[in-house]
Amino acid sequence: MNNENLTPDESLALNGESFHWAKRFLGQKMGSEAAKLYAFCRLLDDMADGDIENGPQRLINIREALIEGNTNADPALRSFAPLMEDQEFPLPVLIALIDGLLDDQRDEVIIADEAELLRYAYRVAGTVGLLMCHVLDCHDLDAKAHAIDLGIAMQLTNIARDVLEDAQMGRRYLPTTWTGEITPQEIIDCATKPNSESAKKITQSVERLLEMAESFYISGAKGFSSLHWRAHMSIAIAAKVYRQIGIQLADKGYVWHEGRQVTTRTTKLICSFKAISGLLKRIRRRKHEHNSNLHTSLRGLPYVS
């Protein structure tokens, strides 16, 4: 189904199960605006992947139109413009998001090292965290640093979940410094030989990836108390549910070759209760200084100091 023909809430329900689950706790206005933001980002992703006719060229055109201030250049941008203008989304962040999606359109995507991995994760997901801060009426710079980290954590989880699926699209996000010169095709071949040395190296890399994600989840959670309590609850639930994907993958021995991990409704409920219990910490709310070492590889990108 073409996501361009869906309402924002339909797009969120179809493509972002964890976020759709958490959205119900945001309230009507924030929930609606969060769904619109998600739907637009998803649409850009579909354009980049060629799931929409002439998608890559449309994405390039949208990038140019944003710089020129021409919100009528594309139907998707025209529909998104009222929210974009009302929330004053930063142009450099939107451009960074599009650049990350366009970078995925290489014939073969091979990530060289951890720094390149984190810069990619910032562009395609940390940027969404920054944009979501505007929707949630949170403009504290330290809070935005934590929002970047939560976006990165979720993207690293996403990569761990989709190692085989990404390889089938000619993409290997696991850094060469971890895997060696294993190609996407070799990852596909290793899926049927999980006890081979190359497959074990991929498994070790997935484990390492999830350990890295954990440090970013911890930092991301430190920003929750800067949010309104409803937003705190919703984002904490989304994070807990998404993090559960990595936990399940780890519990099963990092079986990247067995397909996607999914969370059941019961699991979502358990994660939600755990996340809601964290609201008690707001009673002794204090501001957490961001660990700038997490952003060493991100210097020069928007909102990274």
C-alpha atoms as a PDB file:
ATOM      1  CA  MET A   1       0.000   0.000   0.000  1.00  0.00           C
ATOM      2  CA  ASN A   2       1.278   3.456  -0.944  1.00  0.00           C
ATOM      3  CA  ASN A   3       1.802   5.426   2.272  1.00  0.00           C
ATOM      4  CA  GLU A   4       1.114   8.637   0.371  1.00  0.00           C
ATOM      5  CA  ASN A   5      -2.556   7.662   0.216  1.00  0.00           C
ATOM      6  CA  LEU A   6      -2.868   7.071   3.969  1.00  0.00           C
ATOM      7  CA  THR A   7      -3.842   9.485   6.695  1.00  0.00           C
ATOM      8  CA  PRO A   8      -1.055  10.240   9.224  1.00  0.00           C
ATOM      9  CA  ASP A   9      -2.669   7.972  11.816  1.00  0.00           C
ATOM     10  CA  GLU A  10      -3.110   5.152   9.286  1.00  0.00           C
ATOM     11  CA  SER A  11       0.544   5.479   8.280  1.00  0.00           C
ATOM     12  CA  LEU A  12       1.648   5.381  11.909  1.00  0.00           C
ATOM     13  CA  ALA A  13      -0.510   2.332  12.644  1.00  0.00           C
ATOM     14  CA  LEU A  14       0.796   0.470   9.594  1.00  0.00           C
ATOM     15  CA  ASN A  15       4.480   1.380   9.770  1.00  0.00           C
ATOM     16  CA  GLY A  16       5.266   2.424  13.338  1.00  0.00           C
ATOM     17  CA  GLU A  17       3.616  -0.051  15.659  1.00  0.00           C
ATOM     18  CA  SER A  18       5.636   0.938  18.739  1.00  0.00           C
ATOM     19  CA  PHE A  19       5.001   4.645  18.189  1.00  0.00           C
ATOM     20  CA  HIS A  20       1.336   4.111  17.412  1.00  0.00           C
ATOM     21  CA  TRP A  21       0.993   2.244  20.701  1.00  0.00           C
ATOM     22  CA  ALA A  22       2.648   5.091  22.611  1.00  0.00           C
ATOM     23  CA  LYS A  23       0.804   7.886  20.765  1.00  0.00           C
ATOM     24  CA  ARG A  24      -2.435   7.251  22.677  1.00  0.00           C
ATOM     25  CA  PHE A  25      -0.797   8.675  25.816  1.00  0.00           C
ATOM     26  CA  LEU A  26       0.111  12.012  24.220  1.00  0.00           C
ATOM     27  CA  GLY A  27      -3.295  13.625  24.113  1.00  0.00           C
ATOM     28  CA  GLN A  28      -5.174  14.693  20.999  1.00  0.00           C
ATOM     29  CA  LYS A  29      -3.150  17.708  19.798  1.00  0.00           C
ATOM     30  CA  MET A  30       0.360  16.397  20.416  1.00  0.00           C
ATOM     31  CA  GLY A  31      -0.682  12.928  19.275  1.00  0.00           C
ATOM     32  CA  SER A  32      -2.064  14.269  16.002  1.00  0.00           C
ATOM     33  CA  GLU A  33       1.006  16.395  15.329  1.00  0.00           C
ATOM     34  CA  ALA A  34       3.376  13.539  16.204  1.00  0.00           C
ATOM     35  CA  ALA A  35       1.519  11.309  13.728  1.00  0.00           C
ATOM     36  CA  LYS A  36       1.826  13.972  11.007  1.00  0.00           C
ATOM     37  CA  LEU A  37       5.563  14.257  11.620  1.00  0.00           C
ATOM     38  CA  TYR A  38       6.001  10.484  11.547  1.00  0.00           C
ATOM     39  CA  ALA A  39       3.939  10.151   8.369  1.00  0.00           C
ATOM     40  CA  PHE A  40       6.004  12.796   6.571  1.00  0.00           C
ATOM     41  CA  CYS A  41       9.299  11.195   7.624  1.00  0.00           C
ATOM     42  CA  ARG A  42       7.999   7.801   6.525  1.00  0.00           C
ATOM     43  CA  LEU A  43       6.968   9.239   3.191  1.00  0.00           C
ATOM     44  CA  LEU A  44      10.455  10.664   2.662  1.00  0.00           C
ATOM     45  CA  ASP A  45      11.880   7.235   3.473  1.00  0.00           C
ATOM     46  CA  ASP A  46       9.562   5.601   0.937  1.00  0.00           C
ATOM     47  CA  MET A  47      10.651   8.126  -1.680  1.00  0.00           C
ATOM     48  CA  ALA A  48      14.300   7.383  -0.995  1.00  0.00           C
ATOM     49  CA  ASP A  49      13.726   3.623  -1.322  1.00  0.00           C
ATOM     50  CA  GLY A  50      11.846   4.038  -4.588  1.00  0.00           C
ATOM     51  CA  ASP A  51       8.596   2.694  -3.121  1.00  0.00           C
ATOM     52  CA  ILE A  52       6.865   5.738  -4.592  1.00  0.00           C
ATOM     53  CA  GLU A  53       6.989   6.513  -8.304  1.00  0.00           C
ATOM     54  CA  ASN A  54       9.873   8.882  -9.103  1.00  0.00           C
ATOM     55  CA  GLY A  55      10.576   8.908  -5.364  1.00  0.00           C
ATOM     56  CA  PRO A  56      14.333   9.614  -5.296  1.00  0.00           C
ATOM     57  CA  GLN A  57      13.957  12.572  -7.669  1.00  0.00           C
ATOM     58  CA  ARG A  58      11.013  13.897  -5.664  1.00  0.00           C
ATOM     59  CA  LEU A  59      13.159  13.710  -2.531  1.00  0.00           C
ATOM     60  CA  ILE A  60      15.899  15.715  -4.233  1.00  0.00           C
ATOM     61  CA  ASN A  61      13.291  18.240  -5.355  1.00  0.00           C
ATOM     62  CA  ILE A  62      11.910  18.529  -1.815  1.00  0.00           C
ATOM     63  CA  ARG A  63      15.406  19.177  -0.496  1.00  0.00           C
ATOM     64  CA  GLU A  64      15.899  21.990  -2.996  1.00  0.00           C
ATOM     65  CA  ALA A  65      12.419  23.373  -2.321  1.00  0.00           C
ATOM     66  CA  LEU A  66      13.050  23.522   1.428  1.00  0.00           C
ATOM     67  CA  ILE A  67      16.202  25.546   0.849  1.00  0.00           C
ATOM     68  CA  GLU A  68      14.342  27.870  -1.532  1.00  0.00           C
ATOM     69  CA  GLY A  69      11.327  28.170   0.767  1.00  0.00           C
ATOM     70  CA  ASN A  70       8.964  26.839  -1.900  1.00  0.00           C
ATOM     71  CA  THR A  71       6.530  24.610  -0.013  1.00  0.00           C
ATOM     72  CA  ASN A  72       4.334  24.168  -3.098  1.00  0.00           C
ATOM     73  CA  ALA A  73       6.987  22.245  -5.023  1.00  0.00           C
ATOM     74  CA  ASP A  74       5.654  18.808  -4.019  1.00  0.00           C
ATOM     75  CA  PRO A  75       2.265  17.594  -2.728  1.00  0.00           C
ATOM     76  CA  ALA A  76       3.846  15.915   0.296  1.00  0.00           C
ATOM     77  CA  LEU A  77       5.718  19.071   1.245  1.00  0.00           C
ATOM     78  CA  ARG A  78       2.643  21.218   0.690  1.00  0.00           C
ATOM     79  CA  SER A  79       0.646  18.987   3.050  1.00  0.00           C
ATOM     80  CA  PHE A  80       3.416  19.060   5.673  1.00  0.00           C
ATOM     81  CA  ALA A  81       4.044  22.815   5.424  1.00  0.00           C
ATOM     82  CA  PRO A  82       1.401  23.999   7.960  1.00  0.00           C
ATOM     83  CA  LEU A  83       2.882  21.816  10.705  1.00  0.00           C
ATOM     84  CA  MET A  84       6.427  22.670   9.662  1.00  0.00           C
ATOM     85  CA  GLU A  85       5.726  26.391   9.834  1.00  0.00           C
ATOM     86  CA  ASP A  86       3.655  26.223  13.010  1.00  0.00           C
ATOM     87  CA  GLN A  87       6.322  24.238  14.861  1.00  0.00           C
ATOM     88  CA  GLU A  88       9.221  26.155  13.288  1.00  0.00           C
ATOM     89  CA  PHE A  89      11.135  22.990  12.442  1.00  0.00           C
ATOM     90  CA  PRO A  90      14.826  23.887  11.896  1.00  0.00           C
ATOM     91  CA  LEU A  91      15.765  23.751   8.215  1.00  0.00           C
ATOM     92  CA  PRO A  92      19.263  22.274   8.839  1.00  0.00           C
ATOM     93  CA  VAL A  93      17.691  19.344  10.698  1.00  0.00           C
ATOM     94  CA  LEU A  94      15.243  18.613   7.870  1.00  0.00           C
ATOM     95  CA  ILE A  95      18.075  18.809   5.336  1.00  0.00           C
ATOM     96  CA  ALA A  96      20.237  16.469   7.438  1.00  0.00           C
ATOM     97  CA  LEU A  97      17.365  13.958   7.514  1.00  0.00           C
ATOM     98  CA  ILE A  98      16.964  14.046   3.744  1.00  0.00           C
ATOM     99  CA  ASP A  99      20.730  13.782   3.213  1.00  0.00           C
ATOM    100  CA  GLY A 100      20.791  10.630   5.324  1.00  0.00           C
ATOM    101  CA  LEU A 101      17.983   9.090   3.277  1.00  0.00           C
ATOM    102  CA  LEU A 102      19.615  10.050  -0.009  1.00  0.00           C
ATOM    103  CA  ASP A 103      22.896   8.523   1.125  1.00  0.00           C
ATOM    104  CA  ASP A 104      21.101   5.178   1.354  1.00  0.00           C
ATOM    105  CA  GLN A 105      20.578   5.242  -2.406  1.00  0.00           C
ATOM    106  CA  ARG A 106      24.094   4.173  -3.272  1.00  0.00           C
ATOM    107  CA  ASP A 107      24.261   0.949  -5.286  1.00  0.00           C
ATOM    108  CA  GLU A 108      25.837  -0.685  -2.255  1.00  0.00           C
ATOM    109  CA  VAL A 109      25.842   0.807   1.235  1.00  0.00           C
ATOM    110  CA  ILE A 110      28.869  -0.219   3.293  1.00  0.00           C
ATOM    111  CA  ILE A 111      29.527   1.501   6.633  1.00  0.00           C
ATOM    112  CA  ALA A 112      33.242   1.826   7.327  1.00  0.00           C
ATOM    113  CA  ASP A 113      33.467   2.457  11.057  1.00  0.00           C
ATOM    114  CA  GLU A 114      31.602   3.472  14.210  1.00  0.00           C
ATOM    115  CA  ALA A 115      31.845   7.179  13.436  1.00  0.00           C
ATOM    116  CA  GLU A 116      30.164   6.739  10.058  1.00  0.00           C
ATOM    117  CA  LEU A 117      27.515   4.511  11.643  1.00  0.00           C
ATOM    118  CA  LEU A 118      26.648   7.097  14.294  1.00  0.00           C
ATOM    119  CA  ARG A 119      26.552   9.972  11.802  1.00  0.00           C
ATOM    120  CA  TYR A 120      24.189   7.932   9.643  1.00  0.00           C
ATOM    121  CA  ALA A 121      21.993   7.106  12.658  1.00  0.00           C
ATOM    122  CA  TYR A 122      21.922  10.795  13.609  1.00  0.00           C
ATOM    123  CA  ARG A 123      20.792  11.817  10.121  1.00  0.00           C
ATOM    124  CA  VAL A 124      17.962   9.316   9.719  1.00  0.00           C
ATOM    125  CA  ALA A 125      16.764   9.110  13.346  1.00  0.00           C
ATOM    126  CA  GLY A 126      18.491  11.608  15.647  1.00  0.00           C
ATOM    127  CA  THR A 127      17.001  14.324  13.454  1.00  0.00           C
ATOM    128  CA  VAL A 128      13.519  12.925  14.076  1.00  0.00           C
ATOM    129  CA  GLY A 129      14.187  13.176  17.807  1.00  0.00           C
ATOM    130  CA  LEU A 130      15.066  16.838  17.348  1.00  0.00           C
ATOM    131  CA  LEU A 131      11.924  17.516  15.309  1.00  0.00           C
ATOM    132  CA  MET A 132       9.804  15.684  17.873  1.00  0.00           C
ATOM    133  CA  CYS A 133      11.125  18.058  20.547  1.00  0.00           C
ATOM    134  CA  HIS A 134       9.282  20.863  18.759  1.00  0.00           C
ATOM    135  CA  VAL A 135       6.050  18.865  18.624  1.00  0.00           C
ATOM    136  CA  LEU A 136       6.395  18.142  22.357  1.00  0.00           C
ATOM    137  CA  ASP A 137       7.127  21.807  23.136  1.00  0.00           C
ATOM    138  CA  CYS A 138      10.588  21.049  24.518  1.00  0.00           C
ATOM    139  CA  HIS A 139      13.302  23.530  23.545  1.00  0.00           C
ATOM    140  CA  ASP A 140      15.994  22.949  26.170  1.00  0.00           C
ATOM    141  CA  LEU A 141      19.334  22.337  24.424  1.00  0.00           C
ATOM    142  CA  ASP A 142      20.409  19.593  26.821  1.00  0.00           C
ATOM    143  CA  ALA A 143      17.058  17.881  26.316  1.00  0.00           C
ATOM    144  CA  LYS A 144      17.602  18.026  22.558  1.00  0.00           C
ATOM    145  CA  ALA A 145      20.977  16.336  22.986  1.00  0.00           C
ATOM    146  CA  HIS A 146      19.228  13.505  24.829  1.00  0.00           C
ATOM    147  CA  ALA A 147      16.571  13.378  22.086  1.00  0.00           C
ATOM    148  CA  ILE A 148      19.297  12.861  19.490  1.00  0.00           C
ATOM    149  CA  ASP A 149      20.592   9.955  21.569  1.00  0.00           C
ATOM    150  CA  LEU A 150      17.193   8.300  21.828  1.00  0.00           C
ATOM    151  CA  GLY A 151      16.770   8.535  18.062  1.00  0.00           C
ATOM    152  CA  ILE A 152      20.215   7.007  17.533  1.00  0.00           C
ATOM    153  CA  ALA A 153      19.469   4.207  20.021  1.00  0.00           C
ATOM    154  CA  MET A 154      16.288   3.285  18.176  1.00  0.00           C
ATOM    155  CA  GLN A 155      18.054   3.335  14.817  1.00  0.00           C
ATOM    156  CA  LEU A 156      20.814   1.057  16.108  1.00  0.00           C
ATOM    157  CA  THR A 157      18.108  -1.332  17.329  1.00  0.00           C
ATOM    158  CA  ASN A 158      16.493  -1.095  13.923  1.00  0.00           C
ATOM    159  CA  ILE A 159      19.763  -1.995  12.224  1.00  0.00           C
ATOM    160  CA  ALA A 160      20.292  -4.979  14.544  1.00  0.00           C
ATOM    161  CA  ARG A 161      16.772  -6.211  13.792  1.00  0.00           C
ATOM    162  CA  ASP A 162      17.104  -5.835  10.019  1.00  0.00           C
ATOM    163  CA  VAL A 163      20.627  -7.112   9.254  1.00  0.00           C
ATOM    164  CA  LEU A 164      19.408  -9.725   6.780  1.00  0.00           C
ATOM    165  CA  GLU A 165      16.660  -7.568   5.280  1.00  0.00           C
ATOM    166  CA  ASP A 166      19.107  -4.704   4.728  1.00  0.00           C
ATOM    167  CA  ALA A 167      21.625  -7.065   3.124  1.00  0.00           C
ATOM    168  CA  GLN A 168      18.942  -8.126   0.656  1.00  0.00           C
ATOM    169  CA  MET A 169      18.735  -4.438  -0.323  1.00  0.00           C
ATOM    170  CA  GLY A 170      22.522  -4.226  -0.811  1.00  0.00           C
ATOM    171  CA  ARG A 171      23.178  -2.557   2.558  1.00  0.00           C
ATOM    172  CA  ARG A 172      25.534  -3.440   5.394  1.00  0.00           C
ATOM    173  CA  TYR A 173      25.349  -1.007   8.283  1.00  0.00           C
ATOM    174  CA  LEU A 174      27.548  -3.118  10.575  1.00  0.00           C
ATOM    175  CA  PRO A 175      30.942  -1.355  10.379  1.00  0.00           C
ATOM    176  CA  THR A 176      33.812  -2.886   8.444  1.00  0.00           C
ATOM    177  CA  THR A 177      35.956  -2.371  11.543  1.00  0.00           C
ATOM    178  CA  TRP A 178      33.733  -4.985  13.235  1.00  0.00           C
ATOM    179  CA  THR A 179      32.879  -7.396  10.424  1.00  0.00           C
ATOM    180  CA  GLY A 180      35.837  -7.186   8.101  1.00  0.00           C
ATOM    181  CA  GLU A 181      35.120  -6.985   4.379  1.00  0.00           C
ATOM    182  CA  ILE A 182      31.912  -9.027   4.499  1.00  0.00           C
ATOM    183  CA  THR A 183      29.572  -7.936   1.692  1.00  0.00           C
ATOM    184  CA  PRO A 184      25.765  -7.783   1.785  1.00  0.00           C
ATOM    185  CA  GLN A 185      25.637 -10.854  -0.458  1.00  0.00           C
ATOM    186  CA  GLU A 186      27.905 -12.740   1.930  1.00  0.00           C
ATOM    187  CA  ILE A 187      25.543 -11.830   4.800  1.00  0.00           C
ATOM    188  CA  ILE A 188      22.685 -13.362   2.799  1.00  0.00           C
ATOM    189  CA  ASP A 189      24.766 -16.487   2.194  1.00  0.00           C
ATOM    190  CA  CYS A 190      25.730 -16.678   5.896  1.00  0.00           C
ATOM    191  CA  ALA A 191      22.071 -16.728   6.915  1.00  0.00           C
ATOM    192  CA  THR A 192      21.909 -20.377   5.844  1.00  0.00           C
ATOM    193  CA  LYS A 193      25.235 -21.155   7.535  1.00  0.00           C
ATOM    194  CA  PRO A 194      24.841 -19.630  11.043  1.00  0.00           C
ATOM    195  CA  ASN A 195      27.782 -21.635  12.414  1.00  0.00           C
ATOM    196  CA  SER A 196      30.291 -20.387   9.846  1.00  0.00           C
ATOM    197  CA  GLU A 197      33.073 -18.059  10.965  1.00  0.00           C
ATOM    198  CA  SER A 198      31.647 -15.165   8.941  1.00  0.00           C
ATOM    199  CA  ALA A 199      28.185 -15.690  10.415  1.00  0.00           C
ATOM    200  CA  LYS A 200      29.647 -15.714  13.924  1.00  0.00           C
ATOM    201  CA  LYS A 201      31.421 -12.451  13.178  1.00  0.00           C
ATOM    202  CA  ILE A 202      28.120 -10.914  12.125  1.00  0.00           C
ATOM    203  CA  THR A 203      26.496 -12.217  15.312  1.00  0.00           C
ATOM    204  CA  GLN A 204      29.256 -10.662  17.413  1.00  0.00           C
ATOM    205  CA  SER A 205      28.752  -7.373  15.553  1.00  0.00           C
ATOM    206  CA  VAL A 206      25.016  -7.419  16.271  1.00  0.00           C
ATOM    207  CA  GLU A 207      25.799  -7.955  19.951  1.00  0.00           C
ATOM    208  CA  ARG A 208      28.222  -5.037  19.870  1.00  0.00           C
ATOM    209  CA  LEU A 209      25.649  -2.887  18.106  1.00  0.00           C
ATOM    210  CA  LEU A 210      23.028  -3.520  20.782  1.00  0.00           C
ATOM    211  CA  GLU A 211      25.547  -2.766  23.532  1.00  0.00           C
ATOM    212  CA  MET A 212      26.189   0.562  21.839  1.00  0.00           C
ATOM    213  CA  ALA A 213      22.454   1.181  21.537  1.00  0.00           C
ATOM    214  CA  GLU A 214      22.083   0.629  25.281  1.00  0.00           C
ATOM    215  CA  SER A 215      24.401   3.525  26.130  1.00  0.00           C
ATOM    216  CA  PHE A 216      22.308   5.799  23.903  1.00  0.00           C
ATOM    217  CA  TYR A 217      19.028   4.563  25.407  1.00  0.00           C
ATOM    218  CA  ILE A 218      20.344   5.392  28.882  1.00  0.00           C
ATOM    219  CA  SER A 219      21.292   8.895  27.755  1.00  0.00           C
ATOM    220  CA  GLY A 220      18.011   9.369  25.898  1.00  0.00           C
ATOM    221  CA  ALA A 221      16.013   8.485  29.012  1.00  0.00           C
ATOM    222  CA  LYS A 222      17.772  11.205  30.976  1.00  0.00           C
ATOM    223  CA  GLY A 223      15.919  13.772  28.886  1.00  0.00           C
ATOM    224  CA  PHE A 224      12.416  12.509  29.694  1.00  0.00           C
ATOM    225  CA  SER A 225      12.017  14.690  32.782  1.00  0.00           C
ATOM    226  CA  SER A 226      12.371  17.806  30.598  1.00  0.00           C
ATOM    227  CA  LEU A 227       9.101  16.889  28.880  1.00  0.00           C
ATOM    228  CA  HIS A 228       5.513  17.535  29.920  1.00  0.00           C
ATOM    229  CA  TRP A 229       4.380  14.510  31.957  1.00  0.00           C
ATOM    230  CA  ARG A 230       2.147  13.165  29.158  1.00  0.00           C
ATOM    231  CA  ALA A 231       4.970  13.469  26.647  1.00  0.00           C
ATOM    232  CA  HIS A 232       7.354  11.892  29.165  1.00  0.00           C
ATOM    233  CA  MET A 233       5.017   8.921  29.513  1.00  0.00           C
ATOM    234  CA  SER A 234       4.479   8.477  25.773  1.00  0.00           C
ATOM    235  CA  ILE A 235       8.121   8.754  24.715  1.00  0.00           C
ATOM    236  CA  ALA A 236       9.258   6.536  27.601  1.00  0.00           C
ATOM    237  CA  ILE A 237       6.772   3.868  26.486  1.00  0.00           C
ATOM    238  CA  ALA A 238       7.883   4.090  22.846  1.00  0.00           C
ATOM    239  CA  ALA A 239      11.516   3.780  23.919  1.00  0.00           C
ATOM    240  CA  LYS A 240      10.832   0.848  26.241  1.00  0.00           C
ATOM    241  CA  VAL A 241       8.847  -1.037  23.596  1.00  0.00           C
ATOM    242  CA  TYR A 242      11.452  -0.418  20.887  1.00  0.00           C
ATOM    243  CA  ARG A 243      14.321  -1.346  23.200  1.00  0.00           C
ATOM    244  CA  GLN A 244      12.513  -4.624  23.868  1.00  0.00           C
ATOM    245  CA  ILE A 245      13.230  -5.659  20.275  1.00  0.00           C
ATOM    246  CA  GLY A 246      16.948  -5.665  21.063  1.00  0.00           C
ATOM    247  CA  ILE A 247      16.386  -7.434  24.382  1.00  0.00           C
ATOM    248  CA  GLN A 248      14.490 -10.233  22.655  1.00  0.00           C
ATOM    249  CA  LEU A 249      17.174 -10.486  19.997  1.00  0.00           C
ATOM    250  CA  ALA A 250      19.845 -10.762  22.694  1.00  0.00           C
ATOM    251  CA  ASP A 251      17.832 -13.316  24.687  1.00  0.00           C
ATOM    252  CA  LYS A 252      17.682 -15.540  21.599  1.00  0.00           C
ATOM    253  CA  GLY A 253      21.436 -15.359  21.033  1.00  0.00           C
ATOM    254  CA  TYR A 254      21.445 -12.490  18.501  1.00  0.00           C
ATOM    255  CA  VAL A 255      19.805 -14.668  15.833  1.00  0.00           C
ATOM    256  CA  TRP A 256      19.919 -12.037  13.094  1.00  0.00           C
ATOM    257  CA  HIS A 257      19.404 -14.737  10.440  1.00  0.00           C
ATOM    258  CA  GLU A 258      15.956 -15.798  11.740  1.00  0.00           C
ATOM    259  CA  GLY A 259      14.076 -12.680  10.677  1.00  0.00           C
ATOM    260  CA  ARG A 260      12.566  -9.732  12.558  1.00  0.00           C
ATOM    261  CA  GLN A 261      11.778  -9.745  16.243  1.00  0.00           C
ATOM    262  CA  VAL A 262       8.295  -8.475  17.083  1.00  0.00           C
ATOM    263  CA  THR A 263       6.709  -7.441  20.368  1.00  0.00           C
ATOM    264  CA  THR A 264       3.330  -8.872  21.346  1.00  0.00           C
ATOM    265  CA  ARG A 265       0.500  -6.837  22.821  1.00  0.00           C
ATOM    266  CA  THR A 266       1.205  -8.423  26.204  1.00  0.00           C
ATOM    267  CA  THR A 267       4.852  -7.430  25.957  1.00  0.00           C
ATOM    268  CA  LYS A 268       3.848  -3.888  25.034  1.00  0.00           C
ATOM    269  CA  LEU A 269       1.608  -3.715  28.103  1.00  0.00           C
ATOM    270  CA  ILE A 270       4.437  -4.882  30.362  1.00  0.00           C
ATOM    271  CA  CYS A 271       6.829  -2.359  28.810  1.00  0.00           C
ATOM    272  CA  SER A 272       4.213   0.354  29.247  1.00  0.00           C
ATOM    273  CA  PHE A 273       3.752  -0.351  32.944  1.00  0.00           C
ATOM    274  CA  LYS A 274       7.520  -0.264  33.453  1.00  0.00           C
ATOM    275  CA  ALA A 275       7.795   3.029  31.578  1.00  0.00           C
ATOM    276  CA  ILE A 276       4.897   4.621  33.478  1.00  0.00           C
ATOM    277  CA  SER A 277       6.478   3.654  36.796  1.00  0.00           C
ATOM    278  CA  GLY A 278       9.417   5.858  35.803  1.00  0.00           C
ATOM    279  CA  LEU A 279       7.169   8.904  36.178  1.00  0.00           C
ATOM    280  CA  LEU A 280       7.679   8.658  39.934  1.00  0.00           C
ATOM    281  CA  LYS A 281      11.219   9.920  39.400  1.00  0.00           C
ATOM    282  CA  ARG A 282       9.756  13.278  38.349  1.00  0.00           C
ATOM    283  CA  ILE A 283       9.087  13.942  42.047  1.00  0.00           C
ATOM    284  CA  ARG A 284      12.816  14.420  42.534  1.00  0.00           C
ATOM    285  CA  ARG A 285      13.304  15.882  39.084  1.00  0.00           C
ATOM    286  CA  ARG A 286      16.721  17.235  38.294  1.00  0.00           C
ATOM    287  CA  LYS A 287      18.425  18.238  35.089  1.00  0.00           C
ATOM    288  CA  HIS A 288      20.941  15.759  33.693  1.00  0.00           C
ATOM    289  CA  GLU A 289      24.017  17.130  32.006  1.00  0.00           C
ATOM    290  CA  HIS A 290      24.579  15.445  28.671  1.00  0.00           C
ATOM    291  CA  ASN A 291      27.645  13.257  28.170  1.00  0.00           C
ATOM    292  CA  SER A 292      29.308  15.046  25.257  1.00  0.00           C
ATOM    293  CA  ASN A 293      31.557  12.039  24.610  1.00  0.00           C
ATOM    294  CA  LEU A 294      28.582  10.327  22.991  1.00  0.00           C
ATOM    295  CA  HIS A 295      28.614  13.032  20.293  1.00  0.00           C
ATOM    296  CA  THR A 296      32.316  13.060  19.478  1.00  0.00           C
ATOM    297  CA  SER A 297      31.616  11.492  16.066  1.00  0.00           C
ATOM    298  CA  LEU A 298      28.739  13.883  15.403  1.00  0.00           C
ATOM    299  CA  ARG A 299      30.561  17.198  15.600  1.00  0.00           C
ATOM    300  CA  GLY A 300      29.473  19.641  12.920  1.00  0.00           C
ATOM    301  CA  LEU A 301      25.935  18.308  12.667  1.00  0.00           C
ATOM    302  CA  PRO A 302      22.929  20.463  13.729  1.00  0.00           C
ATOM    303  CA  TYR A 303      22.484  20.871  17.503  1.00  0.00           C
ATOM    304  CA  VAL A 304      25.679  18.958  18.272  1.00  0.00           C
ATOM    305  CA  SER A 305      28.111  20.962  20.401  1.00  0.00           C
END
